[in-house]
C-alpha atoms as a PDB file:
ATOM      1  CA  MET A   1     149.534  65.492 152.186  1.00  0.00           C
ATOM      2  CA  GLU A   2     151.340  68.631 151.165  1.00  0.00           C
ATOM      3  CA  LYS A   3     151.825  69.494 147.577  1.00  0.00           C
ATOM      4  CA  CYS A   4     153.059  72.018 145.167  1.00  0.00           C
ATOM      5  CA  ALA A   5     150.386  74.451 144.374  1.00  0.00           C
ATOM      6  CA  TRP A   6     150.618  74.479 140.866  1.00  0.00           C
ATOM      7  CA  CYS A   7     149.669  70.740 140.566  1.00  0.00           C
ATOM      8  CA  ARG A   8     146.321  70.581 142.470  1.00  0.00           C
ATOM      9  CA  ASP A   9     143.965  70.049 139.750  1.00  0.00           C
ATOM     10  CA  GLY A  10     142.935  66.359 140.703  1.00  0.00           C
ATOM     11  CA  GLY A  11     143.949  65.261 137.205  1.00  0.00           C
ATOM     12  CA  LEU A  12     146.732  65.239 134.808  1.00  0.00           C
ATOM     13  CA  ASN A  13     148.820  67.664 136.460  1.00  0.00           C
ATOM     14  CA  GLU A  14     148.589  66.220 139.725  1.00  0.00           C
ATOM     15  CA  SER A  15     149.431  62.675 138.635  1.00  0.00           C
ATOM     16  CA  TYR A  16     152.156  63.746 136.691  1.00  0.00           C
ATOM     17  CA  HIS A  17     153.467  65.928 139.735  1.00  0.00           C
ATOM     18  CA  ASP A  18     153.007  62.816 142.024  1.00  0.00           C
ATOM     19  CA  THR A  19     154.640  60.103 139.978  1.00  0.00           C
ATOM     20  CA  GLU A  20     157.155  61.749 137.804  1.00  0.00           C
ATOM     21  CA  TRP A  21     157.910  65.583 138.048  1.00  0.00           C
ATOM     22  CA  GLY A  22     161.189  66.501 139.413  1.00  0.00           C
ATOM     23  CA  VAL A  23     162.325  62.722 140.249  1.00  0.00           C
ATOM     24  CA  PRO A  24     166.086  62.249 139.226  1.00  0.00           C
ATOM     25  CA  LEU A  25     165.845  60.665 135.746  1.00  0.00           C
ATOM     26  CA  PHE A  26     168.749  58.496 134.240  1.00  0.00           C
ATOM     27  CA  ASP A  27     166.816  56.479 131.553  1.00  0.00           C
ATOM     28  CA  ASP A  28     167.633  57.888 127.909  1.00  0.00           C
ATOM     29  CA  ARG A  29     164.402  57.018 126.547  1.00  0.00           C
ATOM     30  CA  LYS A  30     162.709  58.943 129.050  1.00  0.00           C
ATOM     31  CA  GLN A  31     165.091  61.766 128.739  1.00  0.00           C
ATOM     32  CA  PHE A  32     164.397  62.052 125.183  1.00  0.00           C
ATOM     33  CA  GLU A  33     160.672  61.725 125.954  1.00  0.00           C
ATOM     34  CA  PHE A  34     160.789  64.544 128.338  1.00  0.00           C
ATOM     35  CA  LEU A  35     162.930  66.763 126.066  1.00  0.00           C
ATOM     36  CA  MET A  36     160.661  66.365 123.244  1.00  0.00           C
ATOM     37  CA  LEU A  37     157.568  67.097 125.207  1.00  0.00           C
ATOM     38  CA  GLU A  38     159.363  70.605 125.897  1.00  0.00           C
ATOM     39  CA  VAL A  39     159.989  71.085 122.165  1.00  0.00           C
ATOM     40  CA  MET A  40     156.204  70.291 121.263  1.00  0.00           C
ATOM     41  CA  GLN A  41     155.130  72.515 124.350  1.00  0.00           C
ATOM     42  CA  CYS A  42     156.819  75.769 123.145  1.00  0.00           C
ATOM     43  CA  GLY A  43     154.120  78.523 123.180  1.00  0.00           C
ATOM     44  CA  LEU A  44     151.481  76.210 124.488  1.00  0.00           C
ATOM     45  CA  SER A  45     150.454  74.850 127.856  1.00  0.00           C
ATOM     46  CA  TRP A  46     151.868  71.984 129.698  1.00  0.00           C
ATOM     47  CA  THR A  47     148.544  70.675 130.550  1.00  0.00           C
ATOM     48  CA  LEU A  48     147.794  70.212 126.775  1.00  0.00           C
ATOM     49  CA  MET A  49     151.211  68.194 126.534  1.00  0.00           C
ATOM     50  CA  LEU A  50     149.784  66.064 129.233  1.00  0.00           C
ATOM     51  CA  LYS A  51     146.454  65.496 127.311  1.00  0.00           C
ATOM     52  CA  LYS A  52     148.184  64.913 124.041  1.00  0.00           C
ATOM     53  CA  ARG A  53     151.254  62.769 125.362  1.00  0.00           C
ATOM     54  CA  GLU A  54     149.817  59.348 124.446  1.00  0.00           C
ATOM     55  CA  ILE A  55     149.052  60.736 120.956  1.00  0.00           C
ATOM     56  CA  PHE A  56     152.920  61.640 121.005  1.00  0.00           C
ATOM     57  CA  ARG A  57     153.814  58.472 121.935  1.00  0.00           C
ATOM     58  CA  ALA A  58     152.007  56.557 119.185  1.00  0.00           C
ATOM     59  CA  ALA A  59     153.233  59.153 116.595  1.00  0.00           C
ATOM     60  CA  PHE A  60     156.864  58.999 117.492  1.00  0.00           C
ATOM     61  CA  ASP A  61     157.110  55.204 118.230  1.00  0.00           C
ATOM     62  CA  GLY A  62     157.229  55.575 122.069  1.00  0.00           C
ATOM     63  CA  PHE A  63     160.053  58.206 121.960  1.00  0.00           C
ATOM     64  CA  ASP A  64     162.376  55.468 120.448  1.00  0.00           C
ATOM     65  CA  TYR A  65     165.196  58.180 119.462  1.00  0.00           C
ATOM     66  CA  GLU A  66     166.786  55.369 117.169  1.00  0.00           C
ATOM     67  CA  LYS A  67     163.507  54.718 115.204  1.00  0.00           C
ATOM     68  CA  VAL A  68     162.761  58.697 115.145  1.00  0.00           C
ATOM     69  CA  ALA A  69     166.345  59.505 113.900  1.00  0.00           C
ATOM     70  CA  ARG A  70     165.557  57.472 110.969  1.00  0.00           C
ATOM     71  CA  TYR A  71     162.248  58.979 109.963  1.00  0.00           C
ATOM     72  CA  THR A  72     161.334  60.125 106.349  1.00  0.00           C
ATOM     73  CA  GLU A  73     159.168  62.473 104.593  1.00  0.00           C
ATOM     74  CA  GLU A  74     156.512  60.037 104.848  1.00  0.00           C
ATOM     75  CA  ASP A  75     157.009  59.922 108.382  1.00  0.00           C
ATOM     76  CA  VAL A  76     156.689  63.662 108.677  1.00  0.00           C
ATOM     77  CA  GLU A  77     153.274  63.531 106.817  1.00  0.00           C
ATOM     78  CA  ARG A  78     152.000  60.476 108.795  1.00  0.00           C
ATOM     79  CA  ILE A  79     152.759  62.576 112.141  1.00  0.00           C
ATOM     80  CA  LEU A  80     151.296  65.633 110.767  1.00  0.00           C
ATOM     81  CA  ASN A  81     148.219  63.983 109.669  1.00  0.00           C
ATOM     82  CA  THR A  82     147.648  61.925 113.016  1.00  0.00           C
ATOM     83  CA  PRO A  83     144.156  62.810 114.506  1.00  0.00           C
ATOM     84  CA  ASN A  84     144.489  65.438 117.267  1.00  0.00           C
ATOM     85  CA  MET A  85     148.358  65.989 116.940  1.00  0.00           C
ATOM     86  CA  ILE A  86     149.793  69.424 117.192  1.00  0.00           C
ATOM     87  CA  ARG A  87     150.267  70.162 113.293  1.00  0.00           C
ATOM     88  CA  SER A  88     153.588  72.136 113.699  1.00  0.00           C
ATOM     89  CA  GLU A  89     155.871  70.760 110.785  1.00  0.00           C
ATOM     90  CA  ARG A  90     158.859  72.733 112.502  1.00  0.00           C
ATOM     91  CA  LYS A  91     158.289  71.084 115.667  1.00  0.00           C
ATOM     92  CA  VAL A  92     157.978  67.519 114.064  1.00  0.00           C
ATOM     93  CA  ARG A  93     161.077  68.154 112.237  1.00  0.00           C
ATOM     94  CA  ALA A  94     162.887  69.307 115.152  1.00  0.00           C
ATOM     95  CA  VAL A  95     161.968  66.335 117.284  1.00  0.00           C
ATOM     96  CA  ILE A  96     163.304  64.118 114.292  1.00  0.00           C
ATOM     97  CA  HIS A  97     166.397  66.242 113.912  1.00  0.00           C
ATOM     98  CA  ASN A  98     167.121  66.154 117.767  1.00  0.00           C
ATOM     99  CA  ALA A  99     166.821  62.448 117.986  1.00  0.00           C
ATOM    100  CA  GLN A 100     169.783  62.280 115.627  1.00  0.00           C
ATOM    101  CA  LYS A 101     171.819  64.829 117.493  1.00  0.00           C
ATOM    102  CA  PHE A 102     170.620  62.767 120.728  1.00  0.00           C
ATOM    103  CA  ILE A 103     172.323  59.760 119.347  1.00  0.00           C
ATOM    104  CA  GLU A 104     175.414  61.827 118.507  1.00  0.00           C
ATOM    105  CA  VAL A 105     175.522  62.835 122.215  1.00  0.00           C
ATOM    106  CA  ARG A 106     175.112  59.111 123.193  1.00  0.00           C
ATOM    107  CA  ARG A 107     177.995  58.025 121.023  1.00  0.00           C
ATOM    108  CA  GLU A 108     180.300  60.657 122.550  1.00  0.00           C
ATOM    109  CA  PHE A 109     179.269  60.321 126.374  1.00  0.00           C
ATOM    110  CA  GLY A 110     177.740  56.580 126.404  1.00  0.00           C
ATOM    111  CA  SER A 111     174.371  57.950 127.509  1.00  0.00           C
ATOM    112  CA  PHE A 112     172.605  61.472 127.204  1.00  0.00           C
ATOM    113  CA  SER A 113     172.076  61.065 130.854  1.00  0.00           C
ATOM    114  CA  SER A 114     175.616  61.027 131.499  1.00  0.00           C
ATOM    115  CA  PHE A 115     176.104  64.038 129.411  1.00  0.00           C
ATOM    116  CA  ILE A 116     173.349  66.289 131.082  1.00  0.00           C
ATOM    117  CA  TRP A 117     174.177  65.184 134.645  1.00  0.00           C
ATOM    118  CA  SER A 118     177.855  66.118 134.112  1.00  0.00           C
ATOM    119  CA  PHE A 119     176.590  69.759 134.526  1.00  0.00           C
ATOM    120  CA  THR A 120     175.462  68.965 138.214  1.00  0.00           C
ATOM    121  CA  LYS A 121     178.318  66.330 138.648  1.00  0.00           C
ATOM    122  CA  GLY A 122     175.567  63.866 139.283  1.00  0.00           C
ATOM    123  CA  LYS A 123     174.058  65.907 142.109  1.00  0.00           C
ATOM    124  CA  VAL A 124     170.413  67.520 142.249  1.00  0.00           C
ATOM    125  CA  PHE A 125     170.860  71.026 142.599  1.00  0.00           C
ATOM    126  CA  PHE A 126     168.512  72.835 145.140  1.00  0.00           C
ATOM    127  CA  TYR A 127     168.269  76.620 145.193  1.00  0.00           C
ATOM    128  CA  PRO A 128     166.676  77.854 148.236  1.00  0.00           C
ATOM    129  CA  ARG A 129     165.593  81.203 146.731  1.00  0.00           C
ATOM    130  CA  HIS A 130     163.579  79.453 144.306  1.00  0.00           C
ATOM    131  CA  ALA A 131     161.109  78.680 147.050  1.00  0.00           C
ATOM    132  CA  THR A 132     160.350  82.554 147.310  1.00  0.00           C
ATOM    133  CA  GLU A 133     161.521  83.796 143.884  1.00  0.00           C
ATOM    134  CA  TRP A 134     159.779  82.435 140.566  1.00  0.00           C
ATOM    135  CA  VAL A 135     162.699  81.446 137.989  1.00  0.00           C
ATOM    136  CA  SER A 136     162.212  80.598 134.453  1.00  0.00           C
ATOM    137  CA  HIS A 137     165.688  79.964 133.696  1.00  0.00           C
ATOM    138  CA  ASN A 138     169.049  80.338 135.436  1.00  0.00           C
ATOM    139  CA  ALA A 139     172.800  80.535 134.870  1.00  0.00           C
ATOM    140  CA  LEU A 140     172.752  76.473 134.742  1.00  0.00           C
ATOM    141  CA  SER A 141     170.227  76.306 132.112  1.00  0.00           C
ATOM    142  CA  ASP A 142     171.935  78.799 130.242  1.00  0.00           C
ATOM    143  CA  THR A 143     174.897  76.866 130.248  1.00  0.00           C
ATOM    144  CA  VAL A 144     173.391  73.596 129.196  1.00  0.00           C
ATOM    145  CA  ALA A 145     171.234  75.278 126.580  1.00  0.00           C
ATOM    146  CA  SER A 146     174.249  76.807 125.054  1.00  0.00           C
ATOM    147  CA  GLU A 147     176.008  73.547 124.793  1.00  0.00           C
ATOM    148  CA  LEU A 148     172.897  71.865 123.353  1.00  0.00           C
ATOM    149  CA  VAL A 149     172.640  74.637 120.590  1.00  0.00           C
ATOM    150  CA  LYS A 150     176.502  74.247 119.840  1.00  0.00           C
ATOM    151  CA  ARG A 151     175.525  70.394 119.245  1.00  0.00           C
ATOM    152  CA  GLY A 152     172.950  71.306 116.699  1.00  0.00           C
ATOM    153  CA  PHE A 153     169.671  70.832 118.855  1.00  0.00           C
ATOM    154  CA  LYS A 154     166.809  72.888 117.916  1.00  0.00           C
ATOM    155  CA  TYR A 155     163.938  74.467 119.986  1.00  0.00           C
ATOM    156  CA  LEU A 156     165.901  74.282 123.309  1.00  0.00           C
ATOM    157  CA  GLY A 157     166.639  77.352 124.506  1.00  0.00           C
ATOM    158  CA  SER A 158     167.510  78.313 128.417  1.00  0.00           C
ATOM    159  CA  ILE A 159     163.913  78.466 129.440  1.00  0.00           C
ATOM    160  CA  THR A 160     162.838  75.252 127.781  1.00  0.00           C
ATOM    161  CA  VAL A 161     165.989  73.458 129.416  1.00  0.00           C
ATOM    162  CA  TYR A 162     165.370  74.884 132.671  1.00  0.00           C
ATOM    163  CA  SER A 163     161.890  73.242 132.539  1.00  0.00           C
ATOM    164  CA  HIS A 164     163.396  69.912 131.338  1.00  0.00           C
ATOM    165  CA  MET A 165     165.882  69.940 134.246  1.00  0.00           C
ATOM    166  CA  GLN A 166     163.125  70.593 136.702  1.00  0.00           C
ATOM    167  CA  ALA A 167     161.060  67.614 135.268  1.00  0.00           C
ATOM    168  CA  ALA A 168     164.057  65.436 134.985  1.00  0.00           C
ATOM    169  CA  GLY A 169     165.004  65.971 138.661  1.00  0.00           C
ATOM    170  CA  LEU A 170     168.552  67.845 138.067  1.00  0.00           C
ATOM    171  CA  ILE A 171     166.975  71.067 139.800  1.00  0.00           C
ATOM    172  CA  LEU A 172     164.878  70.456 142.850  1.00  0.00           C
ATOM    173  CA  ASP A 173     161.924  72.919 142.519  1.00  0.00           C
ATOM    174  CA  HIS A 174     159.115  71.054 144.399  1.00  0.00           C
ATOM    175  CA  ASP A 175     157.996  73.252 147.231  1.00  0.00           C
ATOM    176  CA  PRO A 176     159.908  72.689 150.286  1.00  0.00           C
ATOM    177  CA  SER A 177     156.601  71.539 152.187  1.00  0.00           C
ATOM    178  CA  CYS A 178     155.767  69.086 149.280  1.00  0.00           C
ATOM    179  CA  PHE A 179     156.001  65.340 150.125  1.00  0.00           C
ATOM    180  CA  ARG A 180     158.053  64.847 146.837  1.00  0.00           C
ATOM    181  CA  PHE A 181     160.760  67.393 148.083  1.00  0.00           C
ATOM    182  CA  SER A 182     161.253  65.239 151.243  1.00  0.00           C
ATOM    183  CA  TYR A 183     161.455  62.128 149.207  1.00  0.00           C
ATOM    184  CA  ILE A 184     164.126  63.257 146.626  1.00  0.00           C
ATOM    185  CA  ARG A 185     166.059  64.728 149.674  1.00  0.00           C
ATOM    186  CA  GLU A 186     166.149  61.546 151.361  1.00  0.00           C
ATOM    187  CA  HIS A 187     166.906  59.238 148.098  1.00  0.00           C
ATOM    188  CA  PHE A 188     169.291  61.284 146.035  1.00  0.00           C
ATOM    189  CA  PRO A 189     172.404  63.362 146.645  1.00  0.00           C
ATOM    190  CA  VAL A 190     171.228  67.213 146.730  1.00  0.00           C
ATOM    191  CA  GLU A 191     173.554  70.010 146.771  1.00  0.00           C
ATOM    192  CA  VAL A 192     172.214  73.358 148.195  1.00  0.00           C
ATOM    193  CA  ILE A 193     173.141  76.268 146.184  1.00  0.00           C
ATOM    194  CA  GLU A 194     172.835  79.292 148.464  1.00  0.00           C
ATOM    195  CA  GLY A 195     172.492  82.791 146.956  1.00  0.00           C
ATOM    196  CA  ALA A 196     172.298  82.065 143.379  1.00  0.00           C
ATOM    197  CA  LEU A 197     169.099  81.990 141.159  1.00  0.00           C
END
């Protein structure tokens, strides 16, 4: 079975690729989890995030944004003292702050998923040039990141947002030979964006 080259480790990355990465996501709790994993990842490896994912889930109440938004100073201390946690107070506080902003977006748009998918009009964007040219951000992620920053979100610049849009399936960056590429094209509305990166 053909797969994206980056995932072939026989472990966490491959399992994540095969079951989650790049599949269009419409559940807000998962959107929040994916976004906050990106926040925690800043400056670190994605493999480390996958290794620590269960620690994060336990520390942040399963990424229940309603609960996280109400966290107090005691919760900040609890999280920072969690064994094997990434002990970045700024990131922990950013997750709590972002939960509050996430709820504000939900109030305005009905769901965070409705908000973020509005940028692609509900379609998965496939950029053929990505198959031959490596991209860390593009005009779409620039636009979404700018809007998130305007709304007060933290640690969500264009590169981080691009990574989230890949993971949450708004951008189809599976290799065209990958079995997941075919699955997504068969099951979701895909718009081919020629020329642009």
